[in-house]
Amino acid sequence: MRRFARLALKVLTAGGTVFIAACYGVKWERTEGGVVDSGTRLGIPGIEVGCLDGAETIAVVTTDEGGYFHVTATCTELVVTDVDGAANGSYVGKTAPVTDGYMEIPLDPQP
């Protein structure tokens, strides 16, 4: 009886670890926010947002019609660049550190 109890305990212990790992899974990272005009606070479409992990660019997305973006990657910084020229206004690019939650990145118009 004692052997059975030890075997059962080993099976439950090993199975519990696998079950807990399966429930939590791999951490999913997502950086999201909006790129806005610094004066009007309106979203700017067509802005390229590059996700940096250290010095390496690991993902690039473009803002939608409302200036919204989301990157499914772990970013340390975002490089924001106006790539559509004057189509949606001309803006000065910038680099912004990634923060928790929704990020609002204001851009200044080109002088």
PDB file of N, CA and C in Angstrom:
ATOM      1  N   MET A   1       0.819  -1.189   0.000  1.00  0.00           N
ATOM      2  CA  MET A   1       0.000   0.000   0.000  1.00  0.00           C
ATOM      3  C   MET A   1       0.867   1.258   0.000  1.00  0.00           C
ATOM      4  N   ARG A   2       1.946   1.197   0.748  1.00  0.00           N
ATOM      5  CA  ARG A   2       2.843   2.337   0.828  1.00  0.00           C
ATOM      6  C   ARG A   2       3.489   2.613  -0.542  1.00  0.00           C
ATOM      7  N   ARG A   3       3.825   1.561  -1.269  1.00  0.00           N
ATOM      8  CA  ARG A   3       4.408   1.715  -2.608  1.00  0.00           C
ATOM      9  C   ARG A   3       3.433   2.406  -3.546  1.00  0.00           C
ATOM     10  N   PHE A   4       2.182   2.007  -3.475  1.00  0.00           N
ATOM     11  CA  PHE A   4       1.154   2.619  -4.320  1.00  0.00           C
ATOM     12  C   PHE A   4       1.000   4.106  -3.994  1.00  0.00           C
ATOM     13  N   ALA A   5       1.016   4.448  -2.728  1.00  0.00           N
ATOM     14  CA  ALA A   5       0.883   5.846  -2.306  1.00  0.00           C
ATOM     15  C   ALA A   5       2.051   6.679  -2.837  1.00  0.00           C
ATOM     16  N   ARG A   6       3.262   6.169  -2.769  1.00  0.00           N
ATOM     17  CA  ARG A   6       4.436   6.891  -3.278  1.00  0.00           C
ATOM     18  C   ARG A   6       4.359   7.063  -4.792  1.00  0.00           C
ATOM     19  N   LEU A   7       3.949   6.010  -5.492  1.00  0.00           N
ATOM     20  CA  LEU A   7       3.814   6.077  -6.937  1.00  0.00           C
ATOM     21  C   LEU A   7       2.754   7.107  -7.321  1.00  0.00           C
ATOM     22  N   ALA A   8       1.649   7.085  -6.637  1.00  0.00           N
ATOM     23  CA  ALA A   8       0.572   8.044  -6.915  1.00  0.00           C
ATOM     24  C   ALA A   8       1.047   9.475  -6.665  1.00  0.00           C
ATOM     25  N   LEU A   9       1.796   9.696  -5.603  1.00  0.00           N
ATOM     26  CA  LEU A   9       2.317  11.021  -5.295  1.00  0.00           C
ATOM     27  C   LEU A   9       3.282  11.503  -6.380  1.00  0.00           C
ATOM     28  N   LYS A  10       4.129  10.614  -6.873  1.00  0.00           N
ATOM     29  CA  LYS A  10       5.066  10.974  -7.945  1.00  0.00           C
ATOM     30  C   LYS A  10       4.326  11.352  -9.223  1.00  0.00           C
ATOM     31  N   VAL A  11       3.312  10.576  -9.559  1.00  0.00           N
ATOM     32  CA  VAL A  11       2.535  10.852 -10.774  1.00  0.00           C
ATOM     33  C   VAL A  11       1.819  12.197 -10.650  1.00  0.00           C
ATOM     34  N   LEU A  12       1.203  12.457  -9.509  1.00  0.00           N
ATOM     35  CA  LEU A  12       0.504  13.728  -9.304  1.00  0.00           C
ATOM     36  C   LEU A  12       1.459  14.915  -9.322  1.00  0.00           C
ATOM     37  N   THR A  13       2.615  14.759  -8.727  1.00  0.00           N
ATOM     38  CA  THR A  13       3.600  15.840  -8.701  1.00  0.00           C
ATOM     39  C   THR A  13       4.097  16.152 -10.109  1.00  0.00           C
ATOM     40  N   ALA A  14       4.463  15.152 -10.864  1.00  0.00           N
ATOM     41  CA  ALA A  14       4.950  15.361 -12.235  1.00  0.00           C
ATOM     42  C   ALA A  14       3.838  15.908 -13.115  1.00  0.00           C
ATOM     43  N   GLY A  15       2.647  15.365 -13.004  1.00  0.00           N
ATOM     44  CA  GLY A  15       1.515  15.812 -13.817  1.00  0.00           C
ATOM     45  C   GLY A  15       1.093  17.232 -13.473  1.00  0.00           C
ATOM     46  N   GLY A  16       1.181  17.596 -12.201  1.00  0.00           N
ATOM     47  CA  GLY A  16       0.811  18.945 -11.779  1.00  0.00           C
ATOM     48  C   GLY A  16       1.687  20.006 -12.402  1.00  0.00           C
ATOM     49  N   THR A  17       2.976  19.740 -12.488  1.00  0.00           N
ATOM     50  CA  THR A  17       3.917  20.683 -13.092  1.00  0.00           C
ATOM     51  C   THR A  17       3.588  20.895 -14.569  1.00  0.00           C
ATOM     52  N   VAL A  18       3.328  19.828 -15.289  1.00  0.00           N
ATOM     53  CA  VAL A  18       2.980  19.932 -16.707  1.00  0.00           C
ATOM     54  C   VAL A  18       1.656  20.681 -16.869  1.00  0.00           C
ATOM     55  N   PHE A  19       0.691  20.405 -16.014  1.00  0.00           N
ATOM     56  CA  PHE A  19      -0.612  21.063 -16.090  1.00  0.00           C
ATOM     57  C   PHE A  19      -0.483  22.564 -15.852  1.00  0.00           C
ATOM     58  N   ILE A  20       0.283  22.957 -14.854  1.00  0.00           N
ATOM     59  CA  ILE A  20       0.461  24.388 -14.558  1.00  0.00           C
ATOM     60  C   ILE A  20       1.150  25.091 -15.720  1.00  0.00           C
ATOM     61  N   ALA A  21       2.181  24.484 -16.282  1.00  0.00           N
ATOM     62  CA  ALA A  21       2.883  25.084 -17.424  1.00  0.00           C
ATOM     63  C   ALA A  21       1.956  25.224 -18.622  1.00  0.00           C
ATOM     64  N   ALA A  22       1.095  24.247 -18.840  1.00  0.00           N
ATOM     65  CA  ALA A  22       0.165  24.304 -19.971  1.00  0.00           C
ATOM     66  C   ALA A  22      -0.861  25.410 -19.778  1.00  0.00           C
ATOM     67  N   CYS A  23      -1.276  25.658 -18.563  1.00  0.00           N
ATOM     68  CA  CYS A  23      -2.278  26.705 -18.301  1.00  0.00           C
ATOM     69  C   CYS A  23      -1.714  28.102 -18.513  1.00  0.00           C
ATOM     70  N   TYR A  24      -0.493  28.334 -18.082  1.00  0.00           N
ATOM     71  CA  TYR A  24       0.086  29.668 -18.200  1.00  0.00           C
ATOM     72  C   TYR A  24       0.659  29.925 -19.576  1.00  0.00           C
ATOM     73  N   GLY A  25       1.295  28.955 -20.168  1.00  0.00           N
ATOM     74  CA  GLY A  25       1.829  29.093 -21.512  1.00  0.00           C
ATOM     75  C   GLY A  25       2.960  30.105 -21.588  1.00  0.00           C
ATOM     76  N   VAL A  26       3.246  30.550 -22.811  1.00  0.00           N
ATOM     77  CA  VAL A  26       4.309  31.500 -23.067  1.00  0.00           C
ATOM     78  C   VAL A  26       3.734  32.904 -22.949  1.00  0.00           C
ATOM     79  N   LYS A  27       4.480  33.809 -22.341  1.00  0.00           N
ATOM     80  CA  LYS A  27       4.026  35.192 -22.198  1.00  0.00           C
ATOM     81  C   LYS A  27       3.913  35.827 -23.579  1.00  0.00           C
ATOM     82  N   TRP A  28       2.770  36.455 -23.850  1.00  0.00           N
ATOM     83  CA  TRP A  28       2.511  37.090 -25.132  1.00  0.00           C
ATOM     84  C   TRP A  28       2.653  38.580 -24.952  1.00  0.00           C
ATOM     85  N   GLU A  29       3.520  39.190 -25.687  1.00  0.00           N
ATOM     86  CA  GLU A  29       3.757  40.616 -25.569  1.00  0.00           C
ATOM     87  C   GLU A  29       3.101  41.354 -26.721  1.00  0.00           C
ATOM     88  N   ARG A  30       2.580  42.516 -26.400  1.00  0.00           N
ATOM     89  CA  ARG A  30       1.926  43.360 -27.400  1.00  0.00           C
ATOM     90  C   ARG A  30       2.142  44.806 -26.994  1.00  0.00           C
ATOM     91  N   THR A  31       2.566  45.616 -27.925  1.00  0.00           N
ATOM     92  CA  THR A  31       2.704  47.049 -27.708  1.00  0.00           C
ATOM     93  C   THR A  31       1.686  47.721 -28.603  1.00  0.00           C
ATOM     94  N   GLU A  32       0.869  48.596 -28.007  1.00  0.00           N
ATOM     95  CA  GLU A  32      -0.154  49.266 -28.811  1.00  0.00           C
ATOM     96  C   GLU A  32      -0.294  50.713 -28.393  1.00  0.00           C
ATOM     97  N   GLY A  33      -0.839  51.489 -29.310  1.00  0.00           N
ATOM     98  CA  GLY A  33      -1.031  52.898 -29.013  1.00  0.00           C
ATOM     99  C   GLY A  33      -1.479  53.662 -30.228  1.00  0.00           C
ATOM    100  N   GLY A  34      -1.279  54.964 -30.164  1.00  0.00           N
ATOM    101  CA  GLY A  34      -1.665  55.840 -31.255  1.00  0.00           C
ATOM    102  C   GLY A  34      -0.605  56.893 -31.485  1.00  0.00           C
ATOM    103  N   VAL A  35      -0.436  57.274 -32.731  1.00  0.00           N
ATOM    104  CA  VAL A  35       0.455  58.368 -33.091  1.00  0.00           C
ATOM    105  C   VAL A  35      -0.449  59.553 -33.408  1.00  0.00           C
ATOM    106  N   VAL A  36      -0.241  60.663 -32.692  1.00  0.00           N
ATOM    107  CA  VAL A  36      -1.123  61.823 -32.804  1.00  0.00           C
ATOM    108  C   VAL A  36      -0.344  63.083 -33.133  1.00  0.00           C
ATOM    109  N   ASP A  37      -1.042  64.051 -33.717  1.00  0.00           N
ATOM    110  CA  ASP A  37      -0.497  65.381 -33.954  1.00  0.00           C
ATOM    111  C   ASP A  37      -0.357  66.065 -32.599  1.00  0.00           C
ATOM    112  N   SER A  38       0.813  66.631 -32.313  1.00  0.00           N
ATOM    113  CA  SER A  38       1.053  67.229 -30.993  1.00  0.00           C
ATOM    114  C   SER A  38       0.157  68.430 -30.708  1.00  0.00           C
ATOM    115  N   GLY A  39      -0.322  69.102 -31.729  1.00  0.00           N
ATOM    116  CA  GLY A  39      -1.183  70.266 -31.525  1.00  0.00           C
ATOM    117  C   GLY A  39      -2.654  69.913 -31.421  1.00  0.00           C
ATOM    118  N   THR A  40      -3.146  69.132 -32.373  1.00  0.00           N
ATOM    119  CA  THR A  40      -4.577  68.814 -32.425  1.00  0.00           C
ATOM    120  C   THR A  40      -4.951  67.565 -31.640  1.00  0.00           C
ATOM    121  N   ARG A  41      -3.973  66.711 -31.343  1.00  0.00           N
ATOM    122  CA  ARG A  41      -4.166  65.410 -30.671  1.00  0.00           C
ATOM    123  C   ARG A  41      -4.996  64.430 -31.508  1.00  0.00           C
ATOM    124  N   LEU A  42      -5.112  64.695 -32.812  1.00  0.00           N
ATOM    125  CA  LEU A  42      -5.799  63.776 -33.718  1.00  0.00           C
ATOM    126  C   LEU A  42      -4.823  62.725 -34.224  1.00  0.00           C
ATOM    127  N   GLY A  43      -5.318  61.512 -34.455  1.00  0.00           N
ATOM    128  CA  GLY A  43      -4.483  60.423 -34.945  1.00  0.00           C
ATOM    129  C   GLY A  43      -3.945  60.690 -36.339  1.00  0.00           C
ATOM    130  N   ILE A  44      -2.749  60.213 -36.603  1.00  0.00           N
ATOM    131  CA  ILE A  44      -2.093  60.410 -37.902  1.00  0.00           C
ATOM    132  C   ILE A  44      -1.964  59.062 -38.610  1.00  0.00           C
ATOM    133  N   PRO A  45      -2.651  58.893 -39.755  1.00  0.00           N
ATOM    134  CA  PRO A  45      -2.506  57.637 -40.514  1.00  0.00           C
ATOM    135  C   PRO A  45      -1.209  57.621 -41.320  1.00  0.00           C
ATOM    136  N   GLY A  46      -0.768  56.423 -41.691  1.00  0.00           N
ATOM    137  CA  GLY A  46       0.377  56.271 -42.588  1.00  0.00           C
ATOM    138  C   GLY A  46       1.734  56.503 -41.944  1.00  0.00           C
ATOM    139  N   ILE A  47       1.814  56.418 -40.622  1.00  0.00           N
ATOM    140  CA  ILE A  47       3.091  56.591 -39.930  1.00  0.00           C
ATOM    141  C   ILE A  47       3.693  55.204 -39.674  1.00  0.00           C
ATOM    142  N   GLU A  48       4.963  55.047 -39.976  1.00  0.00           N
ATOM    143  CA  GLU A  48       5.647  53.766 -39.758  1.00  0.00           C
ATOM    144  C   GLU A  48       6.147  53.700 -38.314  1.00  0.00           C
ATOM    145  N   VAL A  49       5.847  52.588 -37.644  1.00  0.00           N
ATOM    146  CA  VAL A  49       6.275  52.367 -36.259  1.00  0.00           C
ATOM    147  C   VAL A  49       7.163  51.126 -36.249  1.00  0.00           C
ATOM    148  N   GLY A  50       8.434  51.335 -35.929  1.00  0.00           N
ATOM    149  CA  GLY A  50       9.390  50.236 -35.865  1.00  0.00           C
ATOM    150  C   GLY A  50       9.614  49.821 -34.422  1.00  0.00           C
ATOM    151  N   CYS A  51       9.574  48.521 -34.184  1.00  0.00           N
ATOM    152  CA  CYS A  51       9.760  47.952 -32.847  1.00  0.00           C
ATOM    153  C   CYS A  51      11.216  47.534 -32.698  1.00  0.00           C
ATOM    154  N   LEU A  52      11.905  48.119 -31.727  1.00  0.00           N
ATOM    155  CA  LEU A  52      13.296  47.785 -31.478  1.00  0.00           C
ATOM    156  C   LEU A  52      13.420  46.915 -30.237  1.00  0.00           C
ATOM    157  N   ASP A  53      14.275  45.915 -30.325  1.00  0.00           N
ATOM    158  CA  ASP A  53      14.667  45.122 -29.164  1.00  0.00           C
ATOM    159  C   ASP A  53      16.166  45.356 -29.034  1.00  0.00           C
ATOM    160  N   GLY A  54      16.540  46.289 -28.169  1.00  0.00           N
ATOM    161  CA  GLY A  54      17.931  46.734 -28.121  1.00  0.00           C
ATOM    162  C   GLY A  54      18.197  47.580 -29.352  1.00  0.00           C
ATOM    163  N   ALA A  55      19.180  47.207 -30.149  1.00  0.00           N
ATOM    164  CA  ALA A  55      19.508  47.956 -31.362  1.00  0.00           C
ATOM    165  C   ALA A  55      18.899  47.331 -32.620  1.00  0.00           C
ATOM    166  N   GLU A  56      18.231  46.190 -32.480  1.00  0.00           N
ATOM    167  CA  GLU A  56      17.701  45.451 -33.626  1.00  0.00           C
ATOM    168  C   GLU A  56      16.221  45.758 -33.857  1.00  0.00           C
ATOM    169  N   THR A  57      15.859  46.077 -35.109  1.00  0.00           N
ATOM    170  CA  THR A  57      14.453  46.249 -35.473  1.00  0.00           C
ATOM    171  C   THR A  57      13.860  44.865 -35.685  1.00  0.00           C
ATOM    172  N   ILE A  58      12.821  44.523 -34.894  1.00  0.00           N
ATOM    173  CA  ILE A  58      12.254  43.181 -34.984  1.00  0.00           C
ATOM    174  C   ILE A  58      10.870  43.157 -35.618  1.00  0.00           C
ATOM    175  N   ALA A  59      10.232  44.321 -35.751  1.00  0.00           N
ATOM    176  CA  ALA A  59       8.917  44.391 -36.398  1.00  0.00           C
ATOM    177  C   ALA A  59       8.665  45.821 -36.841  1.00  0.00           C
ATOM    178  N   VAL A  60       7.896  45.970 -37.922  1.00  0.00           N
ATOM    179  CA  VAL A  60       7.514  47.293 -38.420  1.00  0.00           C
ATOM    180  C   VAL A  60       6.038  47.227 -38.805  1.00  0.00           C
ATOM    181  N   VAL A  61       5.259  48.215 -38.352  1.00  0.00           N
ATOM    182  CA  VAL A  61       3.850  48.321 -38.705  1.00  0.00           C
ATOM    183  C   VAL A  61       3.568  49.760 -39.129  1.00  0.00           C
ATOM    184  N   THR A  62       2.401  49.970 -39.738  1.00  0.00           N
ATOM    185  CA  THR A  62       1.982  51.302 -40.157  1.00  0.00           C
ATOM    186  C   THR A  62       0.662  51.645 -39.464  1.00  0.00           C
ATOM    187  N   THR A  63       0.529  52.889 -39.021  1.00  0.00           N
ATOM    188  CA  THR A  63      -0.696  53.299 -38.340  1.00  0.00           C
ATOM    189  C   THR A  63      -1.882  53.260 -39.303  1.00  0.00           C
ATOM    190  N   ASP A  64      -3.067  52.956 -38.737  1.00  0.00           N
ATOM    191  CA  ASP A  64      -4.284  52.912 -39.545  1.00  0.00           C
ATOM    192  C   ASP A  64      -4.873  54.313 -39.711  1.00  0.00           C
ATOM    193  N   GLU A  65      -6.100  54.398 -40.230  1.00  0.00           N
ATOM    194  CA  GLU A  65      -6.714  55.695 -40.510  1.00  0.00           C
ATOM    195  C   GLU A  65      -6.865  56.578 -39.273  1.00  0.00           C
ATOM    196  N   GLY A  66      -6.959  55.989 -38.106  1.00  0.00           N
ATOM    197  CA  GLY A  66      -7.092  56.760 -36.871  1.00  0.00           C
ATOM    198  C   GLY A  66      -5.784  56.974 -36.139  1.00  0.00           C
ATOM    199  N   GLY A  67      -4.668  56.538 -36.738  1.00  0.00           N
ATOM    200  CA  GLY A  67      -3.358  56.698 -36.108  1.00  0.00           C
ATOM    201  C   GLY A  67      -3.010  55.574 -35.146  1.00  0.00           C
ATOM    202  N   TYR A  68      -3.849  54.537 -35.083  1.00  0.00           N
ATOM    203  CA  TYR A  68      -3.653  53.427 -34.149  1.00  0.00           C
ATOM    204  C   TYR A  68      -2.646  52.424 -34.707  1.00  0.00           C
ATOM    205  N   PHE A  69      -1.868  51.821 -33.805  1.00  0.00           N
ATOM    206  CA  PHE A  69      -0.944  50.747 -34.182  1.00  0.00           C
ATOM    207  C   PHE A  69      -0.926  49.693 -33.091  1.00  0.00           C
ATOM    208  N   HIS A  70      -0.556  48.480 -33.462  1.00  0.00           N
ATOM    209  CA  HIS A  70      -0.243  47.438 -32.478  1.00  0.00           C
ATOM    210  C   HIS A  70       0.831  46.531 -33.064  1.00  0.00           C
ATOM    211  N   VAL A  71       1.788  46.211 -32.195  1.00  0.00           N
ATOM    212  CA  VAL A  71       2.918  45.377 -32.564  1.00  0.00           C
ATOM    213  C   VAL A  71       2.884  44.149 -31.660  1.00  0.00           C
ATOM    214  N   THR A  72       2.872  42.974 -32.257  1.00  0.00           N
ATOM    215  CA  THR A  72       2.881  41.740 -31.478  1.00  0.00           C
ATOM    216  C   THR A  72       4.330  41.284 -31.342  1.00  0.00           C
ATOM    217  N   ALA A  73       5.042  41.937 -30.445  1.00  0.00           N
ATOM    218  CA  ALA A  73       6.449  41.630 -30.185  1.00  0.00           C
ATOM    219  C   ALA A  73       6.850  42.313 -28.884  1.00  0.00           C
ATOM    220  N   THR A  74       7.974  41.908 -28.354  1.00  0.00           N
ATOM    221  CA  THR A  74       8.504  42.541 -27.157  1.00  0.00           C
ATOM    222  C   THR A  74       9.456  43.649 -27.592  1.00  0.00           C
ATOM    223  N   CYS A  75       9.050  44.888 -27.398  1.00  0.00           N
ATOM    224  CA  CYS A  75       9.829  46.049 -27.841  1.00  0.00           C
ATOM    225  C   CYS A  75      10.425  46.778 -26.637  1.00  0.00           C
ATOM    226  N   THR A  76      11.614  47.348 -26.832  1.00  0.00           N
ATOM    227  CA  THR A  76      12.194  48.212 -25.812  1.00  0.00           C
ATOM    228  C   THR A  76      12.022  49.678 -26.195  1.00  0.00           C
ATOM    229  N   GLU A  77      12.021  49.953 -27.503  1.00  0.00           N
ATOM    230  CA  GLU A  77      11.815  51.309 -28.020  1.00  0.00           C
ATOM    231  C   GLU A  77      11.012  51.230 -29.307  1.00  0.00           C
ATOM    232  N   LEU A  78      10.359  52.355 -29.636  1.00  0.00           N
ATOM    233  CA  LEU A  78       9.653  52.479 -30.909  1.00  0.00           C
ATOM    234  C   LEU A  78      10.274  53.625 -31.696  1.00  0.00           C
ATOM    235  N   VAL A  79      10.526  53.380 -32.985  1.00  0.00           N
ATOM    236  CA  VAL A  79      11.007  54.418 -33.884  1.00  0.00           C
ATOM    237  C   VAL A  79       9.836  54.791 -34.776  1.00  0.00           C
ATOM    238  N   VAL A  80       9.423  56.054 -34.702  1.00  0.00           N
ATOM    239  CA  VAL A  80       8.233  56.523 -35.410  1.00  0.00           C
ATOM    240  C   VAL A  80       8.684  57.445 -36.535  1.00  0.00           C
ATOM    241  N   THR A  81       8.291  57.093 -37.779  1.00  0.00           N
ATOM    242  CA  THR A  81       8.760  57.815 -38.957  1.00  0.00           C
ATOM    243  C   THR A  81       7.603  58.106 -39.901  1.00  0.00           C
ATOM    244  N   ASP A  82       7.546  59.340 -40.408  1.00  0.00           N
ATOM    245  CA  ASP A  82       6.550  59.712 -41.412  1.00  0.00           C
ATOM    246  C   ASP A  82       7.071  59.267 -42.771  1.00  0.00           C
ATOM    247  N   VAL A  83       6.465  58.205 -43.322  1.00  0.00           N
ATOM    248  CA  VAL A  83       6.957  57.656 -44.590  1.00  0.00           C
ATOM    249  C   VAL A  83       6.058  57.978 -45.781  1.00  0.00           C
ATOM    250  N   ASP A  84       4.892  58.588 -45.537  1.00  0.00           N
ATOM    251  CA  ASP A  84       3.984  58.848 -46.657  1.00  0.00           C
ATOM    252  C   ASP A  84       4.098  60.270 -47.196  1.00  0.00           C
ATOM    253  N   GLY A  85       5.132  60.983 -46.799  1.00  0.00           N
ATOM    254  CA  GLY A  85       5.337  62.344 -47.297  1.00  0.00           C
ATOM    255  C   GLY A  85       4.253  63.281 -46.817  1.00  0.00           C
ATOM    256  N   ALA A  86       3.766  64.119 -47.712  1.00  0.00           N
ATOM    257  CA  ALA A  86       2.772  65.126 -47.344  1.00  0.00           C
ATOM    258  C   ALA A  86       1.340  64.596 -47.408  1.00  0.00           C
ATOM    259  N   ALA A  87       1.151  63.327 -47.737  1.00  0.00           N
ATOM    260  CA  ALA A  87      -0.197  62.771 -47.905  1.00  0.00           C
ATOM    261  C   ALA A  87      -1.086  62.991 -46.681  1.00  0.00           C
ATOM    262  N   ASN A  88      -0.561  62.839 -45.487  1.00  0.00           N
ATOM    263  CA  ASN A  88      -1.328  63.048 -44.251  1.00  0.00           C
ATOM    264  C   ASN A  88      -0.683  64.114 -43.378  1.00  0.00           C
ATOM    265  N   GLY A  89       0.056  65.020 -44.005  1.00  0.00           N
ATOM    266  CA  GLY A  89       0.829  66.022 -43.283  1.00  0.00           C
ATOM    267  C   GLY A  89       2.251  65.511 -43.113  1.00  0.00           C
ATOM    268  N   SER A  90       3.181  66.428 -42.965  1.00  0.00           N
ATOM    269  CA  SER A  90       4.592  66.057 -42.784  1.00  0.00           C
ATOM    270  C   SER A  90       4.959  66.237 -41.325  1.00  0.00           C
ATOM    271  N   TYR A  91       5.539  65.184 -40.737  1.00  0.00           N
ATOM    272  CA  TYR A  91       5.847  65.190 -39.310  1.00  0.00           C
ATOM    273  C   TYR A  91       7.296  64.807 -39.054  1.00  0.00           C
ATOM    274  N   VAL A  92       7.841  65.343 -37.961  1.00  0.00           N
ATOM    275  CA  VAL A  92       9.193  65.023 -37.515  1.00  0.00           C
ATOM    276  C   VAL A  92       9.129  63.693 -36.767  1.00  0.00           C
ATOM    277  N   GLY A  93       9.973  62.748 -37.167  1.00  0.00           N
ATOM    278  CA  GLY A  93       9.996  61.446 -36.511  1.00  0.00           C
ATOM    279  C   GLY A  93      10.620  61.522 -35.124  1.00  0.00           C
ATOM    280  N   LYS A  94      10.487  60.432 -34.375  1.00  0.00           N
ATOM    281  CA  LYS A  94      11.080  60.377 -33.040  1.00  0.00           C
ATOM    282  C   LYS A  94      11.249  58.941 -32.596  1.00  0.00           C
ATOM    283  N   THR A  95      12.013  58.764 -31.527  1.00  0.00           N
ATOM    284  CA  THR A  95      12.178  57.476 -30.862  1.00  0.00           C
ATOM    285  C   THR A  95      11.577  57.598 -29.477  1.00  0.00           C
ATOM    286  N   ALA A  96      10.772  56.597 -29.086  1.00  0.00           N
ATOM    287  CA  ALA A  96      10.102  56.640 -27.785  1.00  0.00           C
ATOM    288  C   ALA A  96      10.320  55.328 -27.043  1.00  0.00           C
ATOM    289  N   PRO A  97      10.640  55.394 -25.746  1.00  0.00           N
ATOM    290  CA  PRO A  97      10.758  54.163 -24.967  1.00  0.00           C
ATOM    291  C   PRO A  97       9.380  53.535 -24.779  1.00  0.00           C
ATOM    292  N   VAL A  98       9.318  52.229 -24.745  1.00  0.00           N
ATOM    293  CA  VAL A  98       8.046  51.525 -24.580  1.00  0.00           C
ATOM    294  C   VAL A  98       7.634  51.572 -23.110  1.00  0.00           C
ATOM    295  N   THR A  99       6.359  51.868 -22.878  1.00  0.00           N
ATOM    296  CA  THR A  99       5.792  51.885 -21.535  1.00  0.00           C
ATOM    297  C   THR A  99       4.650  50.883 -21.475  1.00  0.00           C
ATOM    298  N   ASP A 100       4.218  50.549 -20.277  1.00  0.00           N
ATOM    299  CA  ASP A 100       3.083  49.645 -20.110  1.00  0.00           C
ATOM    300  C   ASP A 100       1.798  50.337 -20.524  1.00  0.00           C
ATOM    301  N   GLY A 101       0.872  49.568 -21.012  1.00  0.00           N
ATOM    302  CA  GLY A 101      -0.434  50.107 -21.380  1.00  0.00           C
ATOM    303  C   GLY A 101      -0.428  50.762 -22.747  1.00  0.00           C
ATOM    304  N   TYR A 102      -1.480  51.521 -23.011  1.00  0.00           N
ATOM    305  CA  TYR A 102      -1.671  52.200 -24.285  1.00  0.00           C
ATOM    306  C   TYR A 102      -0.704  53.376 -24.380  1.00  0.00           C
ATOM    307  N   MET A 103       0.060  53.430 -25.462  1.00  0.00           N
ATOM    308  CA  MET A 103       1.025  54.512 -25.658  1.00  0.00           C
ATOM    309  C   MET A 103       0.470  55.551 -26.625  1.00  0.00           C
ATOM    310  N   GLU A 104       0.542  56.808 -26.255  1.00  0.00           N
ATOM    311  CA  GLU A 104       0.188  57.891 -27.179  1.00  0.00           C
ATOM    312  C   GLU A 104       1.475  58.615 -27.507  1.00  0.00           C
ATOM    313  N   ILE A 105       1.819  58.636 -28.792  1.00  0.00           N
ATOM    314  CA  ILE A 105       3.073  59.242 -29.230  1.00  0.00           C
ATOM    315  C   ILE A 105       2.751  60.492 -30.057  1.00  0.00           C
ATOM    316  N   PRO A 106       2.997  61.683 -29.490  1.00  0.00           N
ATOM    317  CA  PRO A 106       2.733  62.917 -30.232  1.00  0.00           C
ATOM    318  C   PRO A 106       3.892  63.269 -31.172  1.00  0.00           C
ATOM    319  N   LEU A 107       3.564  63.660 -32.386  1.00  0.00           N
ATOM    320  CA  LEU A 107       4.569  64.104 -33.354  1.00  0.00           C
ATOM    321  C   LEU A 107       4.344  65.574 -33.682  1.00  0.00           C
ATOM    322  N   ASP A 108       5.443  66.287 -33.841  1.00  0.00           N
ATOM    323  CA  ASP A 108       5.390  67.689 -34.230  1.00  0.00           C
ATOM    324  C   ASP A 108       5.377  67.792 -35.756  1.00  0.00           C
ATOM    325  N   PRO A 109       4.601  68.746 -36.308  1.00  0.00           N
ATOM    326  CA  PRO A 109       4.633  68.967 -37.755  1.00  0.00           C
ATOM    327  C   PRO A 109       6.019  69.452 -38.199  1.00  0.00           C
ATOM    328  N   GLN A 110       6.383  69.126 -39.444  1.00  0.00           N
ATOM    329  CA  GLN A 110       7.644  69.621 -40.010  1.00  0.00           C
ATOM    330  C   GLN A 110       7.569  71.154 -40.050  1.00  0.00           C
ATOM    331  N   PRO A 111       8.683  71.832 -39.716  1.00  0.00           N
ATOM    332  CA  PRO A 111       8.684  73.312 -39.782  1.00  0.00           C
ATOM    333  C   PRO A 111       8.633  73.797 -41.214  1.00  0.00           C
TER     334      PRO A 111
END
